[in-house]
């Protein structure tokens, strides 16, 4: 059965991290897109509503409903996106993603040392682009991506995110309280979140890869896991 998937990229990166997976879903006969969230962060806040509207607009033409697929740090955006969506949200799929944290800022969910790091590296209220956040970060990302051409595109999408976004409280989870939610674990490092999802009796799947970006390097496998999860959530 054909489904519509809106893939939500980690705001610390860009849509090219999900473009190969979106293409693999299209090859399976589904509608899939990975909208760029950068415009939401270009000006002042609040940022959640602006990002949510971009996500919702990508799926609003799906009259039969849409699946929201959040990757990495995009997890907290799903409730706002579901609230903004004109199309019925059939399910939320967290792709090795941070859990939604209603009414709390992202910086409220991390250790104090990370808060201090962000405060130290921010300039004029904005964080450095991801490849410049820490010494050696660009080389690490280049190695994780593998393909030089793909890395060049990924690096070109990296933006200086406003620190205020990470200080902004996420909206309530009301819009997804009755929405089926599934968790797909792509990295061994996400085992605690997978365990939390299992404890909450969400649908879960594991497609663990040693690759840093399996959504780029193994898109067919990730797309198959997303497709299977959508079936699980509709069952």
Protein backbone atom coordinates (compact mmCIF):
# COMPACT_ATOMS: atom_id res chain seq x y z
CA UNK A 1 0.00 0.00 0.00
CA UNK A 2 1.36 3.39 -1.01
CA UNK A 3 2.09 5.71 1.90
CA UNK A 4 3.26 9.30 2.22
CA UNK A 5 6.35 9.89 4.34
CA UNK A 6 7.75 13.25 5.41
CA UNK A 7 11.31 12.73 6.59
CA UNK A 8 12.42 15.34 9.13
CA UNK A 9 16.15 15.90 9.19
CA UNK A 10 18.21 16.56 12.28
CA UNK A 11 18.41 20.38 12.47
CA UNK A 12 22.14 20.08 13.13
CA UNK A 13 22.47 18.76 9.58
CA UNK A 14 20.51 19.20 6.35
CA UNK A 15 18.09 17.27 4.14
CA UNK A 16 20.85 15.46 2.22
CA UNK A 17 21.22 13.19 5.28
CA UNK A 18 17.78 11.79 4.45
CA UNK A 19 17.54 12.32 0.68
CA UNK A 20 18.89 8.85 -0.23
CA UNK A 21 16.38 7.20 2.11
CA UNK A 22 13.55 9.31 0.68
CA UNK A 23 14.59 8.22 -2.81
CA UNK A 24 14.66 4.57 -1.70
CA UNK A 25 11.10 4.94 -0.38
CA UNK A 26 10.04 6.40 -3.73
CA UNK A 27 11.58 3.40 -5.48
CA UNK A 28 9.29 1.26 -3.33
CA UNK A 29 6.28 3.15 -4.69
CA UNK A 30 5.72 5.57 -1.82
CA UNK A 31 5.59 9.34 -1.75
CA UNK A 32 8.49 10.72 0.26
CA UNK A 33 10.15 14.06 0.86
CA UNK A 34 12.80 15.54 3.13
CA UNK A 35 12.14 19.29 3.37
CA UNK A 36 14.94 21.67 4.31
CA UNK A 37 14.42 23.26 7.72
CA UNK A 38 17.09 25.96 7.36
CA UNK A 39 14.57 28.74 6.52
CA UNK A 40 12.93 28.22 9.92
CA UNK A 41 16.13 29.24 11.68
CA UNK A 42 17.08 32.20 9.50
CA UNK A 43 15.51 34.89 11.70
CA UNK A 44 14.21 35.14 15.22
CA UNK A 45 12.09 32.72 17.19
CA UNK A 46 9.97 31.07 18.22
CA UNK A 47 11.46 28.37 16.03
CA UNK A 48 9.30 25.31 16.68
CA UNK A 49 6.22 26.77 14.92
CA UNK A 50 8.24 27.80 11.87
CA UNK A 51 9.94 24.42 11.52
CA UNK A 52 6.63 22.66 12.12
CA UNK A 53 4.96 24.59 9.30
CA UNK A 54 7.68 23.62 6.82
CA UNK A 55 7.23 19.97 7.79
CA UNK A 56 3.44 20.15 7.64
CA UNK A 57 3.46 21.87 4.24
CA UNK A 58 5.50 18.98 2.81
CA UNK A 59 2.70 16.52 3.60
CA UNK A 60 -0.48 18.58 3.46
CA UNK A 61 -1.43 17.28 0.01
CA UNK A 62 -1.66 13.71 1.32
CA UNK A 63 -5.41 13.53 1.83
CA UNK A 64 -5.23 9.91 3.00
CA UNK A 65 -2.69 10.74 5.68
CA UNK A 66 1.01 11.05 6.29
CA UNK A 67 3.74 9.45 8.38
CA UNK A 68 6.18 11.81 10.08
CA UNK A 69 9.68 10.29 10.25
CA UNK A 70 12.04 12.18 12.56
CA UNK A 71 15.79 11.56 12.50
CA UNK A 72 18.19 12.29 15.35
CA UNK A 73 17.61 15.65 17.02
CA UNK A 74 14.42 16.17 14.99
CA UNK A 75 12.42 14.05 17.44
CA UNK A 76 11.19 17.02 19.50
CA UNK A 77 9.66 18.60 16.38
CA UNK A 78 7.06 15.91 15.71
CA UNK A 79 4.34 17.15 18.07
CA UNK A 80 4.41 20.67 16.65
CA UNK A 81 4.47 19.29 13.09
CA UNK A 82 1.50 17.03 13.80
CA UNK A 83 -0.42 19.97 15.24
CA UNK A 84 0.30 22.05 12.14
CA UNK A 85 -0.54 19.30 9.65
CA UNK A 86 -3.72 19.58 7.59
CA UNK A 87 -3.29 15.96 6.54
CA UNK A 88 -4.15 13.24 9.05
CA UNK A 89 -1.00 12.00 10.79
CA UNK A 90 -1.18 8.21 10.56
CA UNK A 91 1.90 7.62 12.66
CA UNK A 92 5.15 9.01 13.98
CA UNK A 93 8.38 7.11 13.34
CA UNK A 94 11.41 8.07 15.40
CA UNK A 95 14.51 7.12 13.44
CA UNK A 96 17.23 6.81 16.09
CA UNK A 97 15.75 10.08 17.29
CA UNK A 98 15.64 12.05 20.50
CA UNK A 99 12.35 11.54 22.30
CA UNK A 100 9.82 14.40 22.25
CA UNK A 101 10.27 16.52 25.38
CA UNK A 102 7.06 18.48 25.83
CA UNK A 103 7.26 21.83 27.63
CA UNK A 104 11.03 21.52 28.10
CA UNK A 105 13.93 22.99 26.19
CA UNK A 106 16.52 20.72 24.62
CA UNK A 107 19.16 22.20 26.91
CA UNK A 108 17.02 21.15 29.89
CA UNK A 109 17.46 17.51 28.86
CA UNK A 110 21.27 17.39 28.64
CA UNK A 111 24.07 17.38 31.23
CA UNK A 112 25.40 20.67 32.54
CA UNK A 113 28.70 20.21 30.71
CA UNK A 114 26.91 20.26 27.34
CA UNK A 115 25.06 23.43 28.35
CA UNK A 116 28.41 24.97 29.22
CA UNK A 117 29.94 23.83 25.91
CA UNK A 118 27.14 25.40 23.89
CA UNK A 119 27.37 28.65 25.83
CA UNK A 120 31.15 28.73 25.27
CA UNK A 121 31.10 28.17 21.51
CA UNK A 122 28.11 30.38 20.67
CA UNK A 123 28.90 33.71 19.01
CA UNK A 124 26.33 36.46 18.60
CA UNK A 125 23.65 34.04 19.75
CA UNK A 126 24.43 31.35 17.19
CA UNK A 127 26.33 28.07 17.30
CA UNK A 128 29.03 27.31 14.75
CA UNK A 129 27.97 25.10 11.85
CA UNK A 130 28.18 21.43 12.78
CA UNK A 131 31.48 20.82 11.00
CA UNK A 132 33.07 23.66 12.95
CA UNK A 133 31.62 23.02 16.40
CA UNK A 134 34.58 21.02 17.71
CA UNK A 135 38.18 20.38 16.65
CA UNK A 136 38.32 17.52 14.16
CA UNK A 137 34.57 17.52 13.60
CA UNK A 138 34.80 18.04 9.84
CA UNK A 139 37.19 15.10 9.44
CA UNK A 140 34.96 12.89 11.58
CA UNK A 141 31.89 13.75 9.51
CA UNK A 142 33.79 13.22 6.26
CA UNK A 143 34.81 9.75 7.41
CA UNK A 144 31.28 8.86 8.52
CA UNK A 145 29.74 9.91 5.21
CA UNK A 146 32.41 8.23 3.08
CA UNK A 147 31.47 9.54 -0.36
CA UNK A 148 33.35 12.84 -0.97
CA UNK A 149 30.64 14.23 -3.25
CA UNK A 150 27.92 13.49 -0.74
CA UNK A 151 29.97 15.05 2.04
CA UNK A 152 30.47 18.23 0.00
CA UNK A 153 26.71 18.55 -0.39
CA UNK A 154 26.12 17.77 3.29
CA UNK A 155 28.68 20.36 4.40
CA UNK A 156 27.12 23.02 2.17
CA UNK A 157 23.81 22.58 4.01
CA UNK A 158 25.21 23.10 7.51
CA UNK A 159 24.06 26.33 9.12
CA UNK A 160 24.74 28.29 12.28
CA UNK A 161 21.75 27.43 14.43
CA UNK A 162 20.44 29.96 16.97
CA UNK A 163 21.24 29.05 20.55
CA UNK A 164 17.73 30.26 21.37
CA UNK A 165 16.29 27.25 19.52
CA UNK A 166 17.92 24.93 22.04
CA UNK A 167 16.65 27.14 24.86
CA UNK A 168 13.08 27.18 23.53
CA UNK A 169 10.53 24.94 25.24
CA UNK A 170 9.05 22.31 22.96
CA UNK A 171 5.27 22.48 22.52
CA UNK A 172 2.96 20.08 24.37
CA UNK A 173 2.55 16.57 22.98
CA UNK A 174 -1.24 16.86 22.72
CA UNK A 175 -1.24 16.42 18.93
CA UNK A 176 0.46 13.01 19.12
CA UNK A 177 -1.04 11.60 22.32
CA UNK A 178 -3.34 9.32 20.33
CA UNK A 179 -1.01 8.84 17.36
CA UNK A 180 0.75 5.49 16.92
CA UNK A 181 4.48 5.92 17.52
CA UNK A 182 7.33 3.63 16.54
CA UNK A 183 11.06 3.67 17.22
CA UNK A 184 13.70 2.38 14.80
CA UNK A 185 17.17 1.99 16.30
CA UNK A 186 19.98 2.58 13.81
CA UNK A 187 22.91 2.96 16.22
CA UNK A 188 24.06 0.97 19.23
CA UNK A 189 24.44 4.30 21.04
CA UNK A 190 20.66 4.71 20.96
CA UNK A 191 19.99 1.58 23.02
CA UNK A 192 18.68 3.60 26.02
CA UNK A 193 16.08 5.31 23.82
CA UNK A 194 15.13 2.00 22.25
CA UNK A 195 14.69 0.58 25.75
CA UNK A 196 12.51 3.56 26.71
CA UNK A 197 10.37 3.03 23.62
CA UNK A 198 9.98 -0.64 24.47
CA UNK A 199 9.00 0.24 28.05
CA UNK A 200 6.36 2.64 26.70
CA UNK A 201 5.03 -0.23 24.57
CA UNK A 202 5.70 1.54 21.29
CA UNK A 203 6.34 -0.50 18.19
CA UNK A 204 10.09 -1.01 17.84
CA UNK A 205 12.55 -2.24 15.24
CA UNK A 206 16.32 -2.54 15.14
CA UNK A 207 18.39 -1.92 12.02
CA UNK A 208 21.69 -1.29 13.76
CA UNK A 209 24.64 -0.19 11.64
CA UNK A 210 28.19 0.76 12.51
CA UNK A 211 27.97 3.50 9.87
CA UNK A 212 27.59 7.05 11.13
CA UNK A 213 24.93 7.86 8.53
CA UNK A 214 23.12 4.67 7.46
CA UNK A 215 20.39 6.92 6.03
CA UNK A 216 23.04 7.86 3.45
CA UNK A 217 25.16 4.70 3.21
CA UNK A 218 22.41 2.07 3.56
CA UNK A 219 19.26 3.85 2.38
CA UNK A 220 17.52 0.74 1.06
CA UNK A 221 17.79 -1.00 4.44
CA UNK A 222 16.59 2.08 6.31
CA UNK A 223 13.72 2.57 3.85
CA UNK A 224 12.68 -1.06 4.30
CA UNK A 225 12.65 -0.58 8.07
CA UNK A 226 10.52 2.57 7.73
CA UNK A 227 8.11 0.80 5.38
CA UNK A 228 7.81 -2.15 7.78
CA UNK A 229 7.26 0.16 10.75
CA UNK A 230 4.48 1.97 8.90
CA UNK A 231 2.76 -1.38 8.40
CA UNK A 232 3.22 -2.18 12.09
CA UNK A 233 1.66 1.14 13.09
CA UNK A 234 -1.36 0.59 10.82
CA UNK A 235 -1.93 -2.98 12.00
